[in-house]
Amino acid sequence: QVQLVESGGGVVQAGGSLRLSCVASGNITSTRTMYWYRQTPGQRRELVATITATGRTSYSDSVKGRFTGSKDNAKYTAYLQMHELKPEDTRVYYCNCWVSGSQVWGQGTQVTVSS
């Protein structure tokens, strides 16, 4: 069964940068679309970035121009580079993909942006 493990979260001041990583347990980044979501407790998860198997990316309006998704298929890893972070970016960030008709989620990584 595919597993996803996120890392790279932390506490950063407004205007700072972080890079999140999502390591898959198998070679799926080359054949699957990878998604980055974020969530505040009690609210719905928000899709912020999509990275297709061919490397095309798309972003939500809330992060466009500040966040960049990428992947390294040789390392089974997807990334989310975040710049110009704002306090409202404070959330738990999750990576996600679909495998055999089911969604696979990582455990999440907390990003906290202080003002």
PDB file of N, CA and C in Angstrom:
ATOM      1  N   GLN A   1       0.845  -1.188   0.000  1.00  0.00           N
ATOM      2  CA  GLN A   1       0.000   0.000   0.000  1.00  0.00           C
ATOM      3  C   GLN A   1       0.883   1.241   0.000  1.00  0.00           C
ATOM      4  N   VAL A   2       0.507   2.213  -0.830  1.00  0.00           N
ATOM      5  CA  VAL A   2       1.290   3.437  -0.930  1.00  0.00           C
ATOM      6  C   VAL A   2       1.124   4.263   0.331  1.00  0.00           C
ATOM      7  N   GLN A   3       2.233   4.807   0.805  1.00  0.00           N
ATOM      8  CA  GLN A   3       2.206   5.732   1.931  1.00  0.00           C
ATOM      9  C   GLN A   3       2.903   7.026   1.536  1.00  0.00           C
ATOM     10  N   LEU A   4       2.430   8.123   2.109  1.00  0.00           N
ATOM     11  CA  LEU A   4       3.014   9.443   1.875  1.00  0.00           C
ATOM     12  C   LEU A   4       3.452  10.023   3.210  1.00  0.00           C
ATOM     13  N   VAL A   5       4.637  10.617   3.231  1.00  0.00           N
ATOM     14  CA  VAL A   5       5.154  11.214   4.458  1.00  0.00           C
ATOM     15  C   VAL A   5       5.619  12.633   4.161  1.00  0.00           C
ATOM     16  N   GLU A   6       4.956  13.594   4.805  1.00  0.00           N
ATOM     17  CA  GLU A   6       5.327  14.997   4.622  1.00  0.00           C
ATOM     18  C   GLU A   6       6.346  15.415   5.673  1.00  0.00           C
ATOM     19  N   SER A   7       7.134  16.399   5.330  1.00  0.00           N
ATOM     20  CA  SER A   7       8.078  17.005   6.272  1.00  0.00           C
ATOM     21  C   SER A   7       8.395  18.415   5.799  1.00  0.00           C
ATOM     22  N   GLY A   8       9.088  19.163   6.650  1.00  0.00           N
ATOM     23  CA  GLY A   8       9.540  20.483   6.260  1.00  0.00           C
ATOM     24  C   GLY A   8       8.771  21.631   6.878  1.00  0.00           C
ATOM     25  N   GLY A   9       7.695  21.321   7.592  1.00  0.00           N
ATOM     26  CA  GLY A   9       6.949  22.385   8.242  1.00  0.00           C
ATOM     27  C   GLY A   9       7.732  22.980   9.400  1.00  0.00           C
ATOM     28  N   GLY A  10       7.198  24.056   9.947  1.00  0.00           N
ATOM     29  CA  GLY A  10       7.854  24.701  11.071  1.00  0.00           C
ATOM     30  C   GLY A  10       7.260  26.066  11.326  1.00  0.00           C
ATOM     31  N   VAL A  11       7.976  26.840  12.118  1.00  0.00           N
ATOM     32  CA  VAL A  11       7.560  28.199  12.457  1.00  0.00           C
ATOM     33  C   VAL A  11       8.464  29.171  11.718  1.00  0.00           C
ATOM     34  N   VAL A  12       7.857  30.131  11.047  1.00  0.00           N
ATOM     35  CA  VAL A  12       8.612  31.102  10.262  1.00  0.00           C
ATOM     36  C   VAL A  12       7.948  32.464  10.405  1.00  0.00           C
ATOM     37  N   GLN A  13       8.736  33.504  10.288  1.00  0.00           N
ATOM     38  CA  GLN A  13       8.172  34.848  10.348  1.00  0.00           C
ATOM     39  C   GLN A  13       7.517  35.207   9.020  1.00  0.00           C
ATOM     40  N   ALA A  14       6.561  36.096   9.082  1.00  0.00           N
ATOM     41  CA  ALA A  14       5.909  36.570   7.861  1.00  0.00           C
ATOM     42  C   ALA A  14       6.962  37.084   6.879  1.00  0.00           C
ATOM     43  N   GLY A  15       6.778  36.721   5.613  1.00  0.00           N
ATOM     44  CA  GLY A  15       7.746  37.063   4.587  1.00  0.00           C
ATOM     45  C   GLY A  15       8.799  36.011   4.352  1.00  0.00           C
ATOM     46  N   GLY A  16       8.847  35.024   5.217  1.00  0.00           N
ATOM     47  CA  GLY A  16       9.848  33.972   5.112  1.00  0.00           C
ATOM     48  C   GLY A  16       9.449  32.869   4.144  1.00  0.00           C
ATOM     49  N   SER A  17      10.291  31.846   4.103  1.00  0.00           N
ATOM     50  CA  SER A  17      10.097  30.745   3.156  1.00  0.00           C
ATOM     51  C   SER A  17      10.241  29.400   3.861  1.00  0.00           C
ATOM     52  N   LEU A  18       9.573  28.411   3.309  1.00  0.00           N
ATOM     53  CA  LEU A  18       9.718  27.029   3.736  1.00  0.00           C
ATOM     54  C   LEU A  18       9.581  26.148   2.510  1.00  0.00           C
ATOM     55  N   ARG A  19      10.196  24.968   2.560  1.00  0.00           N
ATOM     56  CA  ARG A  19       9.976  23.965   1.519  1.00  0.00           C
ATOM     57  C   ARG A  19       9.476  22.683   2.169  1.00  0.00           C
ATOM     58  N   LEU A  20       8.300  22.285   1.732  1.00  0.00           N
ATOM     59  CA  LEU A  20       7.720  21.037   2.211  1.00  0.00           C
ATOM     60  C   LEU A  20       8.083  19.906   1.263  1.00  0.00           C
ATOM     61  N   SER A  21       8.269  18.721   1.831  1.00  0.00           N
ATOM     62  CA  SER A  21       8.554  17.526   1.037  1.00  0.00           C
ATOM     63  C   SER A  21       7.499  16.471   1.314  1.00  0.00           C
ATOM     64  N   CYS A  22       7.222  15.683   0.314  1.00  0.00           N
ATOM     65  CA  CYS A  22       6.288  14.562   0.428  1.00  0.00           C
ATOM     66  C   CYS A  22       6.940  13.352  -0.223  1.00  0.00           C
ATOM     67  N   VAL A  23       7.374  12.417   0.607  1.00  0.00           N
ATOM     68  CA  VAL A  23       8.051  11.231   0.097  1.00  0.00           C
ATOM     69  C   VAL A  23       7.062  10.078   0.014  1.00  0.00           C
ATOM     70  N   ALA A  24       6.999   9.475  -1.160  1.00  0.00           N
ATOM     71  CA  ALA A  24       6.114   8.325  -1.369  1.00  0.00           C
ATOM     72  C   ALA A  24       6.883   7.028  -1.144  1.00  0.00           C
ATOM     73  N   SER A  25       6.135   5.986  -0.767  1.00  0.00           N
ATOM     74  CA  SER A  25       6.772   4.700  -0.479  1.00  0.00           C
ATOM     75  C   SER A  25       7.087   3.924  -1.736  1.00  0.00           C
ATOM     76  N   GLY A  26       6.592   4.414  -2.873  1.00  0.00           N
ATOM     77  CA  GLY A  26       6.870   3.753  -4.134  1.00  0.00           C
ATOM     78  C   GLY A  26       6.953   4.770  -5.251  1.00  0.00           C
ATOM     79  N   ASN A  27       7.206   4.275  -6.449  1.00  0.00           N
ATOM     80  CA  ASN A  27       7.384   5.149  -7.604  1.00  0.00           C
ATOM     81  C   ASN A  27       6.024   5.580  -8.144  1.00  0.00           C
ATOM     82  N   ILE A  28       5.422   6.588  -7.533  1.00  0.00           N
ATOM     83  CA  ILE A  28       4.125   7.053  -8.000  1.00  0.00           C
ATOM     84  C   ILE A  28       4.166   8.463  -8.548  1.00  0.00           C
ATOM     85  N   THR A  29       5.201   9.227  -8.184  1.00  0.00           N
ATOM     86  CA  THR A  29       5.201  10.627  -8.636  1.00  0.00           C
ATOM     87  C   THR A  29       5.342  10.728 -10.146  1.00  0.00           C
ATOM     88  N   SER A  30       5.897   9.690 -10.778  1.00  0.00           N
ATOM     89  CA  SER A  30       6.061   9.741 -12.227  1.00  0.00           C
ATOM     90  C   SER A  30       4.800   9.325 -12.976  1.00  0.00           C
ATOM     91  N   THR A  31       3.856   8.724 -12.263  1.00  0.00           N
ATOM     92  CA  THR A  31       2.646   8.224 -12.928  1.00  0.00           C
ATOM     93  C   THR A  31       1.361   8.789 -12.357  1.00  0.00           C
ATOM     94  N   ARG A  32       1.439   9.525 -11.272  1.00  0.00           N
ATOM     95  CA  ARG A  32       0.239  10.053 -10.617  1.00  0.00           C
ATOM     96  C   ARG A  32       0.322  11.567 -10.498  1.00  0.00           C
ATOM     97  N   THR A  33      -0.830  12.201 -10.491  1.00  0.00           N
ATOM     98  CA  THR A  33      -0.900  13.608 -10.126  1.00  0.00           C
ATOM     99  C   THR A  33      -0.782  13.710  -8.618  1.00  0.00           C
ATOM    100  N   MET A  34       0.077  14.605  -8.147  1.00  0.00           N
ATOM    101  CA  MET A  34       0.250  14.842  -6.723  1.00  0.00           C
ATOM    102  C   MET A  34      -0.430  16.160  -6.356  1.00  0.00           C
ATOM    103  N   TYR A  35      -1.052  16.169  -5.206  1.00  0.00           N
ATOM    104  CA  TYR A  35      -1.782  17.345  -4.747  1.00  0.00           C
ATOM    105  C   TYR A  35      -1.234  17.793  -3.388  1.00  0.00           C
ATOM    106  N   TRP A  36      -1.244  19.104  -3.198  1.00  0.00           N
ATOM    107  CA  TRP A  36      -0.969  19.676  -1.878  1.00  0.00           C
ATOM    108  C   TRP A  36      -2.232  20.378  -1.389  1.00  0.00           C
ATOM    109  N   TYR A  37      -2.655  19.993  -0.186  1.00  0.00           N
ATOM    110  CA  TYR A  37      -3.805  20.609   0.463  1.00  0.00           C
ATOM    111  C   TYR A  37      -3.335  21.249   1.769  1.00  0.00           C
ATOM    112  N   ARG A  38      -4.191  22.104   2.312  1.00  0.00           N
ATOM    113  CA  ARG A  38      -3.942  22.619   3.648  1.00  0.00           C
ATOM    114  C   ARG A  38      -5.269  22.741   4.387  1.00  0.00           C
ATOM    115  N   GLN A  39      -5.165  22.734   5.713  1.00  0.00           N
ATOM    116  CA  GLN A  39      -6.390  22.709   6.513  1.00  0.00           C
ATOM    117  C   GLN A  39      -6.184  23.370   7.866  1.00  0.00           C
ATOM    118  N   THR A  40      -7.199  24.121   8.252  1.00  0.00           N
ATOM    119  CA  THR A  40      -7.310  24.623   9.622  1.00  0.00           C
ATOM    120  C   THR A  40      -8.291  23.701  10.330  1.00  0.00           C
ATOM    121  N   PRO A  41      -8.018  23.310  11.562  1.00  0.00           N
ATOM    122  CA  PRO A  41      -8.947  22.419  12.273  1.00  0.00           C
ATOM    123  C   PRO A  41     -10.378  22.939  12.226  1.00  0.00           C
ATOM    124  N   GLY A  42     -11.294  22.060  11.896  1.00  0.00           N
ATOM    125  CA  GLY A  42     -12.704  22.419  11.837  1.00  0.00           C
ATOM    126  C   GLY A  42     -13.147  22.959  10.494  1.00  0.00           C
ATOM    127  N   GLN A  43     -12.200  23.117   9.576  1.00  0.00           N
ATOM    128  CA  GLN A  43     -12.552  23.620   8.249  1.00  0.00           C
ATOM    129  C   GLN A  43     -12.198  22.589   7.187  1.00  0.00           C
ATOM    130  N   ARG A  44     -12.769  22.770   5.996  1.00  0.00           N
ATOM    131  CA  ARG A  44     -12.486  21.860   4.892  1.00  0.00           C
ATOM    132  C   ARG A  44     -11.052  22.015   4.428  1.00  0.00           C
ATOM    133  N   ARG A  45     -10.507  20.941   3.897  1.00  0.00           N
ATOM    134  CA  ARG A  45      -9.174  21.021   3.308  1.00  0.00           C
ATOM    135  C   ARG A  45      -9.250  21.819   2.019  1.00  0.00           C
ATOM    136  N   GLU A  46      -8.256  22.665   1.841  1.00  0.00           N
ATOM    137  CA  GLU A  46      -8.188  23.547   0.670  1.00  0.00           C
ATOM    138  C   GLU A  46      -7.082  23.057  -0.258  1.00  0.00           C
ATOM    139  N   LEU A  47      -7.409  22.828  -1.509  1.00  0.00           N
ATOM    140  CA  LEU A  47      -6.401  22.441  -2.492  1.00  0.00           C
ATOM    141  C   LEU A  47      -5.597  23.673  -2.869  1.00  0.00           C
ATOM    142  N   VAL A  48      -4.273  23.595  -2.715  1.00  0.00           N
ATOM    143  CA  VAL A  48      -3.456  24.761  -3.038  1.00  0.00           C
ATOM    144  C   VAL A  48      -2.548  24.538  -4.241  1.00  0.00           C
ATOM    145  N   ALA A  49      -2.150  23.304  -4.519  1.00  0.00           N
ATOM    146  CA  ALA A  49      -1.248  23.071  -5.644  1.00  0.00           C
ATOM    147  C   ALA A  49      -1.465  21.681  -6.217  1.00  0.00           C
ATOM    148  N   THR A  50      -1.333  21.592  -7.538  1.00  0.00           N
ATOM    149  CA  THR A  50      -1.447  20.328  -8.263  1.00  0.00           C
ATOM    150  C   THR A  50      -0.211  20.161  -9.133  1.00  0.00           C
ATOM    151  N   ILE A  51       0.378  18.970  -9.104  1.00  0.00           N
ATOM    152  CA  ILE A  51       1.544  18.654  -9.932  1.00  0.00           C
ATOM    153  C   ILE A  51       1.199  17.383 -10.703  1.00  0.00           C
ATOM    154  N   THR A  52       1.051  17.511 -12.020  1.00  0.00           N
ATOM    155  CA  THR A  52       0.663  16.334 -12.801  1.00  0.00           C
ATOM    156  C   THR A  52       1.856  15.405 -12.992  1.00  0.00           C
ATOM    157  N   ALA A  53       1.566  14.221 -13.527  1.00  0.00           N
ATOM    158  CA  ALA A  53       2.627  13.248 -13.778  1.00  0.00           C
ATOM    159  C   ALA A  53       3.666  13.797 -14.760  1.00  0.00           C
ATOM    160  N   THR A  54       3.231  14.663 -15.650  1.00  0.00           N
ATOM    161  CA  THR A  54       4.150  15.257 -16.616  1.00  0.00           C
ATOM    162  C   THR A  54       4.814  16.527 -16.101  1.00  0.00           C
ATOM    163  N   GLY A  55       4.479  16.927 -14.867  1.00  0.00           N
ATOM    164  CA  GLY A  55       5.132  18.076 -14.266  1.00  0.00           C
ATOM    165  C   GLY A  55       4.414  19.400 -14.401  1.00  0.00           C
ATOM    166  N   ARG A  56       3.231  19.382 -15.008  1.00  0.00           N
ATOM    167  CA  ARG A  56       2.468  20.624 -15.100  1.00  0.00           C
ATOM    168  C   ARG A  56       1.925  20.970 -13.725  1.00  0.00           C
ATOM    169  N   THR A  57       1.875  22.257 -13.435  1.00  0.00           N
ATOM    170  CA  THR A  57       1.425  22.700 -12.121  1.00  0.00           C
ATOM    171  C   THR A  57       0.271  23.692 -12.235  1.00  0.00           C
ATOM    172  N   SER A  58      -0.547  23.743 -11.200  1.00  0.00           N
ATOM    173  CA  SER A  58      -1.586  24.746 -11.082  1.00  0.00           C
ATOM    174  C   SER A  58      -1.751  25.068  -9.603  1.00  0.00           C
ATOM    175  N   TYR A  59      -2.295  26.256  -9.327  1.00  0.00           N
ATOM    176  CA  TYR A  59      -2.342  26.755  -7.954  1.00  0.00           C
ATOM    177  C   TYR A  59      -3.662  27.454  -7.665  1.00  0.00           C
ATOM    178  N   SER A  60      -4.007  27.478  -6.392  1.00  0.00           N
ATOM    179  CA  SER A  60      -5.152  28.272  -5.976  1.00  0.00           C
ATOM    180  C   SER A  60      -4.776  29.748  -6.045  1.00  0.00           C
ATOM    181  N   ASP A  61      -5.774  30.571  -6.152  1.00  0.00           N
ATOM    182  CA  ASP A  61      -5.522  32.014  -6.218  1.00  0.00           C
ATOM    183  C   ASP A  61      -4.832  32.518  -4.964  1.00  0.00           C
ATOM    184  N   SER A  62      -5.094  31.871  -3.843  1.00  0.00           N
ATOM    185  CA  SER A  62      -4.551  32.341  -2.568  1.00  0.00           C
ATOM    186  C   SER A  62      -3.033  32.167  -2.468  1.00  0.00           C
ATOM    187  N   VAL A  63      -2.457  31.285  -3.293  1.00  0.00           N
ATOM    188  CA  VAL A  63      -1.009  31.046  -3.196  1.00  0.00           C
ATOM    189  C   VAL A  63      -0.269  31.306  -4.508  1.00  0.00           C
ATOM    190  N   LYS A  64      -1.014  31.564  -5.574  1.00  0.00           N
ATOM    191  CA  LYS A  64      -0.396  31.750  -6.891  1.00  0.00           C
ATOM    192  C   LYS A  64       0.635  32.870  -6.842  1.00  0.00           C
ATOM    193  N   GLY A  65       1.797  32.587  -7.403  1.00  0.00           N
ATOM    194  CA  GLY A  65       2.880  33.563  -7.408  1.00  0.00           C
ATOM    195  C   GLY A  65       3.783  33.483  -6.198  1.00  0.00           C
ATOM    196  N   ARG A  66       3.357  32.764  -5.173  1.00  0.00           N
ATOM    197  CA  ARG A  66       4.171  32.624  -3.956  1.00  0.00           C
ATOM    198  C   ARG A  66       4.627  31.177  -3.723  1.00  0.00           C
ATOM    199  N   PHE A  67       3.806  30.225  -4.123  1.00  0.00           N
ATOM    200  CA  PHE A  67       4.108  28.809  -3.912  1.00  0.00           C
ATOM    201  C   PHE A  67       4.452  28.166  -5.242  1.00  0.00           C
ATOM    202  N   THR A  68       5.376  27.204  -5.207  1.00  0.00           N
ATOM    203  CA  THR A  68       5.764  26.462  -6.405  1.00  0.00           C
ATOM    204  C   THR A  68       5.821  24.976  -6.090  1.00  0.00           C
ATOM    205  N   GLY A  69       5.080  24.205  -6.873  1.00  0.00           N
ATOM    206  CA  GLY A  69       5.115  22.754  -6.725  1.00  0.00           C
ATOM    207  C   GLY A  69       6.107  22.143  -7.695  1.00  0.00           C
ATOM    208  N   SER A  70       6.763  21.080  -7.264  1.00  0.00           N
ATOM    209  CA  SER A  70       7.699  20.380  -8.140  1.00  0.00           C
ATOM    210  C   SER A  70       7.823  18.936  -7.658  1.00  0.00           C
ATOM    211  N   LYS A  71       8.587  18.140  -8.397  1.00  0.00           N
ATOM    212  CA  LYS A  71       8.783  16.763  -7.967  1.00  0.00           C
ATOM    213  C   LYS A  71      10.097  16.227  -8.493  1.00  0.00           C
ATOM    214  N   ASP A  72      10.604  15.241  -7.798  1.00  0.00           N
ATOM    215  CA  ASP A  72      11.801  14.535  -8.218  1.00  0.00           C
ATOM    216  C   ASP A  72      11.427  13.065  -8.277  1.00  0.00           C
ATOM    217  N   ASN A  73      11.175  12.573  -9.476  1.00  0.00           N
ATOM    218  CA  ASN A  73      10.690  11.201  -9.619  1.00  0.00           C
ATOM    219  C   ASN A  73      11.726  10.177  -9.135  1.00  0.00           C
ATOM    220  N   ALA A  74      12.990  10.497  -9.280  1.00  0.00           N
ATOM    221  CA  ALA A  74      14.031   9.557  -8.847  1.00  0.00           C
ATOM    222  C   ALA A  74      14.025   9.377  -7.331  1.00  0.00           C
ATOM    223  N   LYS A  75      13.550  10.395  -6.623  1.00  0.00           N
ATOM    224  CA  LYS A  75      13.486  10.335  -5.155  1.00  0.00           C
ATOM    225  C   LYS A  75      12.076  10.053  -4.648  1.00  0.00           C
ATOM    226  N   TYR A  76      11.127   9.797  -5.562  1.00  0.00           N
ATOM    227  CA  TYR A  76       9.728   9.541  -5.187  1.00  0.00           C
ATOM    228  C   TYR A  76       9.172  10.686  -4.338  1.00  0.00           C
ATOM    229  N   THR A  77       9.554  11.905  -4.640  1.00  0.00           N
ATOM    230  CA  THR A  77       9.259  13.033  -3.766  1.00  0.00           C
ATOM    231  C   THR A  77       8.612  14.181  -4.526  1.00  0.00           C
ATOM    232  N   ALA A  78       7.580  14.743  -3.911  1.00  0.00           N
ATOM    233  CA  ALA A  78       6.970  15.981  -4.377  1.00  0.00           C
ATOM    234  C   ALA A  78       7.313  17.083  -3.376  1.00  0.00           C
ATOM    235  N   TYR A  79       7.401  18.302  -3.893  1.00  0.00           N
ATOM    236  CA  TYR A  79       7.788  19.439  -3.059  1.00  0.00           C
ATOM    237  C   TYR A  79       6.770  20.563  -3.183  1.00  0.00           C
ATOM    238  N   LEU A  80       6.738  21.390  -2.150  1.00  0.00           N
ATOM    239  CA  LEU A  80       5.988  22.637  -2.207  1.00  0.00           C
ATOM    240  C   LEU A  80       6.891  23.720  -1.624  1.00  0.00           C
ATOM    241  N   GLN A  81       7.428  24.540  -2.513  1.00  0.00           N
ATOM    242  CA  GLN A  81       8.264  25.659  -2.083  1.00  0.00           C
ATOM    243  C   GLN A  81       7.355  26.845  -1.824  1.00  0.00           C
ATOM    244  N   MET A  82       7.473  27.408  -0.621  1.00  0.00           N
ATOM    245  CA  MET A  82       6.581  28.494  -0.220  1.00  0.00           C
ATOM    246  C   MET A  82       7.418  29.727   0.100  1.00  0.00           C
ATOM    247  N   HIS A  83       7.110  30.805  -0.579  1.00  0.00           N
ATOM    248  CA  HIS A  83       7.785  32.089  -0.344  1.00  0.00           C
ATOM    249  C   HIS A  83       6.753  33.116   0.112  1.00  0.00           C
ATOM    250  N   GLU A  84       7.256  34.245   0.626  1.00  0.00           N
ATOM    251  CA  GLU A  84       6.403  35.360   1.042  1.00  0.00           C
ATOM    252  C   GLU A  84       5.259  34.878   1.927  1.00  0.00           C
ATOM    253  N   LEU A  85       5.595  34.050   2.886  1.00  0.00           N
ATOM    254  CA  LEU A  85       4.556  33.471   3.730  1.00  0.00           C
ATOM    255  C   LEU A  85       3.848  34.528   4.556  1.00  0.00           C
ATOM    256  N   LYS A  86       2.560  34.298   4.745  1.00  0.00           N
ATOM    257  CA  LYS A  86       1.695  35.211   5.474  1.00  0.00           C
ATOM    258  C   LYS A  86       1.099  34.495   6.675  1.00  0.00           C
ATOM    259  N   PRO A  87       0.692  35.223   7.706  1.00  0.00           N
ATOM    260  CA  PRO A  87       0.048  34.563   8.850  1.00  0.00           C
ATOM    261  C   PRO A  87      -1.142  33.696   8.444  1.00  0.00           C
ATOM    262  N   GLU A  88      -1.867  34.102   7.417  1.00  0.00           N
ATOM    263  CA  GLU A  88      -3.026  33.311   6.987  1.00  0.00           C
ATOM    264  C   GLU A  88      -2.643  32.015   6.285  1.00  0.00           C
ATOM    265  N   ASP A  89      -1.359  31.813   6.027  1.00  0.00           N
ATOM    266  CA  ASP A  89      -0.886  30.528   5.496  1.00  0.00           C
ATOM    267  C   ASP A  89      -0.709  29.486   6.597  1.00  0.00           C
ATOM    268  N   THR A  90      -0.891  29.896   7.834  1.00  0.00           N
ATOM    269  CA  THR A  90      -0.761  28.960   8.955  1.00  0.00           C
ATOM    270  C   THR A  90      -1.832  27.885   8.851  1.00  0.00           C
ATOM    271  N   ARG A  91      -1.413  26.661   8.621  1.00  0.00           N
ATOM    272  CA  ARG A  91      -2.304  25.518   8.457  1.00  0.00           C
ATOM    273  C   ARG A  91      -1.483  24.222   8.639  1.00  0.00           C
ATOM    274  N   VAL A  92      -2.164  23.108   8.642  1.00  0.00           N
ATOM    275  CA  VAL A  92      -1.515  21.820   8.443  1.00  0.00           C
ATOM    276  C   VAL A  92      -1.557  21.521   6.946  1.00  0.00           C
ATOM    277  N   TYR A  93      -0.412  21.170   6.390  1.00  0.00           N
ATOM    278  CA  TYR A  93      -0.288  20.903   4.960  1.00  0.00           C
ATOM    279  C   TYR A  93      -0.178  19.407   4.716  1.00  0.00           C
ATOM    280  N   TYR A  94      -0.950  18.937   3.732  1.00  0.00           N
ATOM    281  CA  TYR A  94      -0.999  17.517   3.404  1.00  0.00           C
ATOM    282  C   TYR A  94      -0.700  17.307   1.926  1.00  0.00           C
ATOM    283  N   CYS A  95      -0.021  16.215   1.615  1.00  0.00           N
ATOM    284  CA  CYS A  95       0.047  15.803   0.219  1.00  0.00           C
ATOM    285  C   CYS A  95      -0.911  14.635   0.003  1.00  0.00           C
ATOM    286  N   ASN A  96      -1.250  14.423  -1.252  1.00  0.00           N
ATOM    287  CA  ASN A  96      -2.345  13.509  -1.583  1.00  0.00           C
ATOM    288  C   ASN A  96      -2.156  12.991  -2.989  1.00  0.00           C
ATOM    289  N   CYS A  97      -2.617  11.779  -3.227  1.00  0.00           N
ATOM    290  CA  CYS A  97      -2.717  11.266  -4.584  1.00  0.00           C
ATOM    291  C   CYS A  97      -3.813  10.211  -4.596  1.00  0.00           C
ATOM    292  N   TRP A  98      -4.180   9.780  -5.789  1.00  0.00           N
ATOM    293  CA  TRP A  98      -5.174   8.724  -5.949  1.00  0.00           C
ATOM    294  C   TRP A  98      -4.454   7.461  -6.412  1.00  0.00           C
ATOM    295  N   VAL A  99      -4.748   6.364  -5.751  1.00  0.00           N
ATOM    296  CA  VAL A  99      -4.176   5.079  -6.122  1.00  0.00           C
ATOM    297  C   VAL A  99      -5.298   4.042  -6.097  1.00  0.00           C
ATOM    298  N   SER A 100      -5.499   3.405  -7.239  1.00  0.00           N
ATOM    299  CA  SER A 100      -6.525   2.355  -7.348  1.00  0.00           C
ATOM    300  C   SER A 100      -7.883   2.839  -6.870  1.00  0.00           C
ATOM    301  N   GLY A 101      -8.229   4.058  -7.225  1.00  0.00           N
ATOM    302  CA  GLY A 101      -9.546   4.586  -6.903  1.00  0.00           C
ATOM    303  C   GLY A 101      -9.710   5.110  -5.495  1.00  0.00           C
ATOM    304  N   SER A 102      -8.651   5.118  -4.713  1.00  0.00           N
ATOM    305  CA  SER A 102      -8.736   5.615  -3.340  1.00  0.00           C
ATOM    306  C   SER A 102      -7.738   6.749  -3.128  1.00  0.00           C
ATOM    307  N   GLN A 103      -8.129   7.690  -2.295  1.00  0.00           N
ATOM    308  CA  GLN A 103      -7.219   8.780  -1.961  1.00  0.00           C
ATOM    309  C   GLN A 103      -6.234   8.323  -0.898  1.00  0.00           C
ATOM    310  N   VAL A 104      -4.996   8.719  -1.078  1.00  0.00           N
ATOM    311  CA  VAL A 104      -3.949   8.441  -0.099  1.00  0.00           C
ATOM    312  C   VAL A 104      -3.494   9.772   0.480  1.00  0.00           C
ATOM    313  N   TRP A 105      -3.462   9.859   1.799  1.00  0.00           N
ATOM    314  CA  TRP A 105      -3.070  11.084   2.493  1.00  0.00           C
ATOM    315  C   TRP A 105      -1.838  10.826   3.347  1.00  0.00           C
ATOM    316  N   GLY A 106      -0.999  11.844   3.452  1.00  0.00           N
ATOM    317  CA  GLY A 106       0.059  11.788   4.435  1.00  0.00           C
ATOM    318  C   GLY A 106      -0.483  12.224   5.792  1.00  0.00           C
ATOM    319  N   GLN A 107       0.411  12.281   6.779  1.00  0.00           N
ATOM    320  CA  GLN A 107      -0.010  12.633   8.141  1.00  0.00           C
ATOM    321  C   GLN A 107      -0.084  14.135   8.346  1.00  0.00           C
ATOM    322  N   GLY A 108       0.483  14.895   7.405  1.00  0.00           N
ATOM    323  CA  GLY A 108       0.449  16.347   7.500  1.00  0.00           C
ATOM    324  C   GLY A 108       1.671  16.922   8.186  1.00  0.00           C
ATOM    325  N   THR A 109       1.943  18.174   7.870  1.00  0.00           N
ATOM    326  CA  THR A 109       3.040  18.889   8.520  1.00  0.00           C
ATOM    327  C   THR A 109       2.568  20.309   8.820  1.00  0.00           C
ATOM    328  N   GLN A 110       2.804  20.755  10.046  1.00  0.00           N
ATOM    329  CA  GLN A 110       2.296  22.039  10.502  1.00  0.00           C
ATOM    330  C   GLN A 110       3.190  23.181  10.019  1.00  0.00           C
ATOM    331  N   VAL A 111       2.558  24.180   9.449  1.00  0.00           N
ATOM    332  CA  VAL A 111       3.243  25.418   9.074  1.00  0.00           C
ATOM    333  C   VAL A 111       2.626  26.546   9.889  1.00  0.00           C
ATOM    334  N   THR A 112       3.455  27.268  10.612  1.00  0.00           N
ATOM    335  CA  THR A 112       2.994  28.388  11.419  1.00  0.00           C
ATOM    336  C   THR A 112       3.774  29.632  11.019  1.00  0.00           C
ATOM    337  N   VAL A 113       3.043  30.666  10.638  1.00  0.00           N
ATOM    338  CA  VAL A 113       3.666  31.922  10.202  1.00  0.00           C
ATOM    339  C   VAL A 113       3.326  32.994  11.228  1.00  0.00           C
ATOM    340  N   SER A 114       4.344  33.524  11.859  1.00  0.00           N
ATOM    341  CA  SER A 114       4.132  34.548  12.881  1.00  0.00           C
ATOM    342  C   SER A 114       4.205  35.936  12.262  1.00  0.00           C
ATOM    343  N   SER A 115       3.420  36.840  12.807  1.00  0.00           N
ATOM    344  CA  SER A 115       3.376  38.210  12.260  1.00  0.00           C
ATOM    345  C   SER A 115       4.395  39.097  12.946  1.00  0.00           C
TER     346      SER A 115
END
